Every structure is written in structure tokens, then in C-alpha cells.
Amino acid sequence: MVLFLLLLAAGILESSFESVKAQLEYNYSINAELSASDYRLYTMVLTENTELTVFLTSTGGRVDIYLLDAQGTSEFLNAMLGGSPTGSWSYLPELSQIDTDYISRTSIMTEPNTYSVAVLNNLTLPVTISGTIVSQNPEPNTPVDWTIVVVVVGAAAAVILLIIVLVLIPRTYRLQAEVDSDARQPFGTESDLQQMRAGFGGKCPYCGYKNPQGSMFCGSCGERID
């Protein structure tokens, strides 16, 4: 039971770590058609030292691919919503490529931030983009949630105490009662004792004195009568 609870606690802690990790990792599978002057924006909230891989191909024409931080994303959207696809915005060159039909790059995001990969079609003809955008976190360094540990350990202690109260203590009392009962059990009944006494008495083998039935010692010489 204790081992089961410890495994349960480990499972809860591990699942909490995996949950945090799953919330921070992204895996975009892309297959989209962009009309003339159209764009796609893939936004992610990344932690420090997250590895980001962009693998995209464009069929039917070349596109512009930008890696934007939060400020660059805002500038890009303002330009797109304002009808200025040729406007200017800040972007990160390590995962950006202008006028291309293919990109395959990996970079480490050294700062936590909101990032976006923008794909812009500046052509007058539609194009089709496909590929993946994947983020992979560093090994989680999440501190242990001691609240969960305390709850699980407390539950284990409560179960152990319940087992002691409901099983072990009554069993101990029952065994002790059986021992005490055996210790108090007489070796024979009163009739058995009377029969044993009835076997004594008679003529003394030492002095010949005739003793009453049931006598254990000779009334004349005092010897024991068998």
C-alpha cells in the first residue's frame, strides 16, 4: 500500500512536469494556400533557451518568411491591417528569409518572449506553403510542488493509521485474548480431582495402618500413600 502511494505521488509529479512542458511546446503542421498579398502568422510563447525549428517550402512562387518577436509581430500586424504589405517591421534574421521558396533553420531563443513566424506572399499569384514549425524546450527545471507531496504523504499516513486501527490492533487483541483464555483453562474438572483423590487411601504399605479412603498420607506413620 505504501509503495503504491509513493508510485502514485511520483506519477502525479511527473504528470505535472509533463503538463507544464506540453503547454510551452508547439508543433505546427502547415499546409495552406496564400492568395496574392496574403499572409499566415504562427504565434508562440517561448521560454528561455527554447529550440525553434522552421522548415517550410513554397510551391508556385517565392515568399517572405520572418521570425518576429512581440514588438515585430505588432508592427507586422499593423502594416497588414493597414493595407501595407510592403511596410517595414523589425524581425530576427536567424530564422528569417526573404524571397525564397525553401527554409530549414534551427535557432535557440535566448530570451523568453512571444514569437511569431510570418509567411507573406508578395506575388500577384497564389502560392502553397507546407512544412512544420516546432519548438522544443530545454529540460524542465521546475521545482517540486511540495503541496502535492504533502497531500500524498498525508494520505499515505492516514491509510497506514487506518490499517493499524481496523486490522492490526483488533487482531492483536484477539490473539492476546486467545492466549489468556488458554492460560486460564483448568487442567481438569472438580470431578476429575475427586476421582484422583478417591484413588488414595487404604492400608499403609509402611506400617500397615488402615487409612480411610481418600487419604493421601498415613494417619499413623505419616508416610505418603500412593
Protein backbone atom coordinates (compact mmCIF):
# COMPACT_ATOMS: atom_id res chain seq x y z
CA MET A 1 0.00 0.00 0.00
CA VAL A 2 2.80 2.42 0.93
CA LEU A 3 4.69 1.55 -2.28
CA PHE A 4 1.53 2.15 -4.30
CA LEU A 5 1.05 5.60 -2.77
CA LEU A 6 4.68 6.54 -3.39
CA LEU A 7 4.35 5.49 -7.04
CA LEU A 8 1.13 7.50 -7.22
CA ALA A 9 2.95 10.55 -5.88
CA ALA A 10 5.74 10.11 -8.40
CA GLY A 11 3.15 9.80 -11.16
CA ILE A 12 1.40 12.98 -10.11
CA LEU A 13 4.67 14.93 -10.00
CA GLU A 14 5.77 13.59 -13.37
CA SER A 15 2.40 14.36 -14.97
CA SER A 16 2.57 17.93 -13.63
CA PHE A 17 6.03 18.36 -15.19
CA GLU A 18 4.79 16.95 -18.50
CA SER A 19 1.75 19.22 -18.36
CA VAL A 20 3.93 22.32 -17.98
CA LYS A 21 6.19 21.11 -20.76
CA ALA A 22 3.25 20.41 -23.08
CA GLN A 23 1.87 23.91 -22.56
CA LEU A 24 5.14 25.50 -23.66
CA GLU A 25 5.94 23.41 -26.75
CA TYR A 26 4.46 23.95 -30.21
CA ASN A 27 4.22 21.79 -33.29
CA TYR A 28 2.57 23.50 -36.26
CA SER A 29 1.90 21.29 -39.25
CA ILE A 30 1.36 23.65 -42.18
CA ASN A 31 -0.41 23.17 -45.48
CA ALA A 32 -2.05 26.37 -46.67
CA GLU A 33 -2.70 28.39 -49.80
CA LEU A 34 -1.81 32.06 -49.80
CA SER A 35 -3.54 34.36 -52.25
CA ALA A 36 -1.85 37.47 -53.60
CA SER A 37 -0.60 39.76 -50.77
CA ASP A 38 -1.92 37.22 -48.23
CA TYR A 39 -0.04 36.08 -45.14
CA ARG A 40 -0.04 33.47 -42.36
CA LEU A 41 1.06 34.13 -38.78
CA TYR A 42 2.08 31.37 -36.35
CA THR A 43 2.48 32.71 -32.81
CA MET A 44 4.20 31.02 -29.84
CA VAL A 45 5.07 31.90 -26.25
CA LEU A 46 8.58 30.53 -25.76
CA THR A 47 10.75 30.22 -22.68
CA GLU A 48 14.45 30.88 -22.37
CA ASN A 49 16.75 28.56 -24.37
CA THR A 50 13.88 27.05 -26.35
CA GLU A 51 14.96 25.44 -29.62
CA LEU A 52 12.88 26.61 -32.57
CA THR A 53 12.99 24.87 -35.95
CA VAL A 54 11.34 26.30 -39.09
CA PHE A 55 11.02 24.05 -42.13
CA LEU A 56 8.86 25.48 -44.92
CA THR A 57 8.56 25.15 -48.67
CA SER A 58 6.61 27.30 -51.10
CA THR A 59 5.09 25.95 -54.30
CA GLY A 60 4.03 28.28 -57.13
CA GLY A 61 6.25 31.19 -56.21
CA ARG A 62 8.56 32.73 -53.63
CA VAL A 63 7.51 34.11 -50.26
CA ASP A 64 8.97 36.17 -47.43
CA ILE A 65 9.45 34.36 -44.11
CA TYR A 66 10.03 36.39 -40.93
CA LEU A 67 10.74 35.48 -37.32
CA LEU A 68 9.19 38.24 -35.20
CA ASP A 69 9.31 39.00 -31.50
CA ALA A 70 6.35 40.63 -29.73
CA GLN A 71 7.23 44.11 -31.00
CA GLY A 72 7.87 42.89 -34.53
CA THR A 73 4.58 40.96 -34.51
CA SER A 74 2.71 44.12 -33.54
CA GLU A 75 4.44 46.14 -36.28
CA PHE A 76 3.75 43.42 -38.87
CA LEU A 77 0.05 43.20 -37.99
CA ASN A 78 -0.33 46.98 -38.07
CA ALA A 79 1.15 47.02 -41.56
CA MET A 80 -1.04 44.15 -42.78
CA LEU A 81 -4.24 45.56 -41.28
CA GLY A 82 -3.35 48.97 -42.67
CA GLY A 83 -3.04 47.53 -46.17
CA SER A 84 0.74 47.98 -46.40
CA PRO A 85 2.25 44.53 -47.15
CA THR A 86 5.45 46.25 -48.22
CA GLY A 87 5.75 48.20 -44.97
CA SER A 88 8.65 47.88 -42.55
CA TRP A 89 8.82 45.93 -39.31
CA SER A 90 11.58 44.56 -37.12
CA TYR A 91 12.42 40.86 -37.36
CA LEU A 92 15.08 38.37 -36.23
CA PRO A 93 17.36 37.40 -39.12
CA GLU A 94 18.44 33.99 -37.74
CA LEU A 95 15.11 32.42 -38.70
CA SER A 96 14.04 34.78 -41.46
CA GLN A 97 14.50 34.52 -45.19
CA ILE A 98 13.27 36.93 -47.86
CA ASP A 99 12.12 35.97 -51.36
CA THR A 100 12.57 32.24 -51.00
CA ASP A 101 10.79 29.00 -51.79
CA TYR A 102 12.52 26.98 -49.05
CA ILE A 103 13.77 27.45 -45.50
CA SER A 104 15.16 24.95 -42.98
CA ARG A 105 16.72 26.60 -39.93
CA THR A 106 17.07 25.96 -36.21
CA SER A 107 17.84 28.57 -33.58
CA ILE A 108 17.93 28.85 -29.79
CA MET A 109 15.70 31.56 -28.34
CA THR A 110 17.89 33.08 -25.63
CA GLU A 111 15.14 35.30 -24.22
CA PRO A 112 11.60 34.38 -23.15
CA ASN A 113 9.14 36.23 -25.36
CA THR A 114 6.15 35.95 -27.63
CA TYR A 115 7.43 34.99 -31.08
CA SER A 116 5.72 34.65 -34.45
CA VAL A 117 6.70 33.16 -37.78
CA ALA A 118 5.09 35.22 -40.54
CA VAL A 119 4.82 33.98 -44.12
CA LEU A 120 3.98 36.74 -46.63
CA ASN A 121 3.08 36.29 -50.29
CA ASN A 122 4.11 39.45 -52.16
CA LEU A 123 3.26 37.98 -55.54
CA THR A 124 0.15 38.56 -57.64
CA LEU A 125 -0.39 34.80 -57.93
CA PRO A 126 -1.38 32.36 -55.20
CA VAL A 127 1.20 30.04 -53.67
CA THR A 128 1.00 26.97 -51.46
CA ILE A 129 3.14 26.66 -48.34
CA SER A 130 3.79 23.45 -46.42
CA GLY A 131 6.07 22.25 -43.65
CA THR A 132 6.43 22.44 -39.89
CA ILE A 133 7.28 24.92 -37.15
CA VAL A 134 8.41 23.12 -34.00
CA SER A 135 9.63 24.35 -30.62
CA GLN A 136 11.44 22.14 -28.13
CA ASN A 137 12.02 23.22 -24.56
CA PRO A 138 15.21 22.65 -22.58
CA GLU A 139 14.97 20.05 -19.85
CA PRO A 140 12.44 21.38 -17.34
CA ASN A 141 13.90 22.75 -14.15
CA THR A 142 10.56 23.05 -12.42
CA PRO A 143 10.73 22.98 -8.59
CA VAL A 144 8.84 20.24 -6.84
CA ASP A 145 5.32 21.18 -5.86
CA TRP A 146 5.57 20.41 -2.15
CA THR A 147 1.82 20.83 -1.76
CA ILE A 148 1.27 17.68 -3.81
CA VAL A 149 3.98 15.85 -1.85
CA VAL A 150 2.43 16.82 1.49
CA VAL A 151 -1.04 15.75 0.34
CA VAL A 152 0.18 12.36 -0.89
CA VAL A 153 2.31 11.68 2.19
CA GLY A 154 -0.60 12.70 4.43
CA ALA A 155 -2.92 10.34 2.55
CA ALA A 156 -0.39 7.52 2.93
CA ALA A 157 -0.09 8.16 6.67
CA ALA A 158 -3.89 8.20 7.03
CA VAL A 159 -4.20 4.86 5.22
CA ILE A 160 -1.47 3.28 7.36
CA LEU A 161 -3.15 4.56 10.53
CA LEU A 162 -6.50 3.20 9.33
CA ILE A 163 -4.95 -0.22 8.70
CA ILE A 164 -3.43 -0.22 12.19
CA VAL A 165 -6.70 0.77 13.86
CA LEU A 166 -9.02 -1.52 11.89
CA VAL A 167 -6.83 -4.57 11.31
CA LEU A 168 -3.67 -4.84 13.37
CA ILE A 169 -4.97 -3.70 16.77
CA PRO A 170 -8.11 -5.93 16.76
CA ARG A 171 -6.00 -8.86 15.61
CA THR A 172 -3.52 -8.27 18.43
CA TYR A 173 -6.32 -8.09 20.99
CA ARG A 174 -7.89 -11.27 19.61
CA LEU A 175 -4.62 -13.20 19.77
CA GLN A 176 -3.96 -11.96 23.30
CA ALA A 177 -7.46 -12.99 24.36
CA GLU A 178 -6.89 -16.48 23.00
CA VAL A 179 -3.60 -16.75 24.90
CA ASP A 180 -5.23 -15.56 28.11
CA SER A 181 -8.10 -18.00 27.63
CA ASP A 182 -5.70 -20.90 27.21
CA ALA A 183 -3.78 -19.81 30.31
CA ARG A 184 -6.95 -19.77 32.43
CA GLN A 185 -8.22 -23.15 31.18
CA PRO A 186 -8.19 -25.68 34.14
CA PHE A 187 -6.33 -28.94 33.67
CA GLY A 188 -9.29 -30.92 34.92
CA THR A 189 -12.75 -30.56 36.43
CA GLU A 190 -13.66 -30.93 40.08
CA SER A 191 -14.99 -34.43 39.43
CA ASP A 192 -11.63 -35.36 37.95
CA LEU A 193 -9.90 -34.12 41.09
CA GLN A 194 -12.31 -36.09 43.26
CA GLN A 195 -11.64 -39.20 41.24
CA MET A 196 -7.92 -38.62 41.65
CA ARG A 197 -8.37 -38.20 45.40
CA ALA A 198 -10.59 -41.28 45.51
CA GLY A 199 -7.67 -43.37 44.38
CA PHE A 200 -5.68 -42.56 47.52
CA GLY A 201 -6.10 -44.14 50.95
CA GLY A 202 -6.26 -47.77 52.19
CA LYS A 203 -3.70 -49.81 54.05
CA CYS A 204 -0.30 -48.11 54.62
CA PRO A 205 2.47 -50.14 52.94
CA TYR A 206 4.93 -48.97 55.56
CA CYS A 207 3.23 -49.58 58.91
CA GLY A 208 0.13 -51.49 57.88
CA TYR A 209 -2.28 -48.94 59.34
CA LYS A 210 -5.71 -48.98 57.65
CA ASN A 211 -6.43 -45.44 56.48
CA PRO A 212 -9.81 -44.04 55.31
CA GLN A 213 -10.43 -43.98 51.59
CA GLY A 214 -9.11 -40.78 50.00
CA SER A 215 -6.25 -40.27 52.47
CA MET A 216 -3.00 -39.12 50.91
CA PHE A 217 -0.85 -39.67 54.00
CA CYS A 218 -0.88 -42.42 56.64
CA GLY A 219 -2.60 -41.36 59.83
CA SER A 220 -0.18 -43.49 61.89
CA CYS A 221 3.32 -43.07 60.40
CA GLY A 222 2.70 -40.05 58.16
CA GLU A 223 4.13 -41.66 55.04
CA ARG A 224 2.63 -40.76 51.67
CA ILE A 225 0.11 -43.27 50.46
CA ASP A 226 0.25 -43.87 46.68
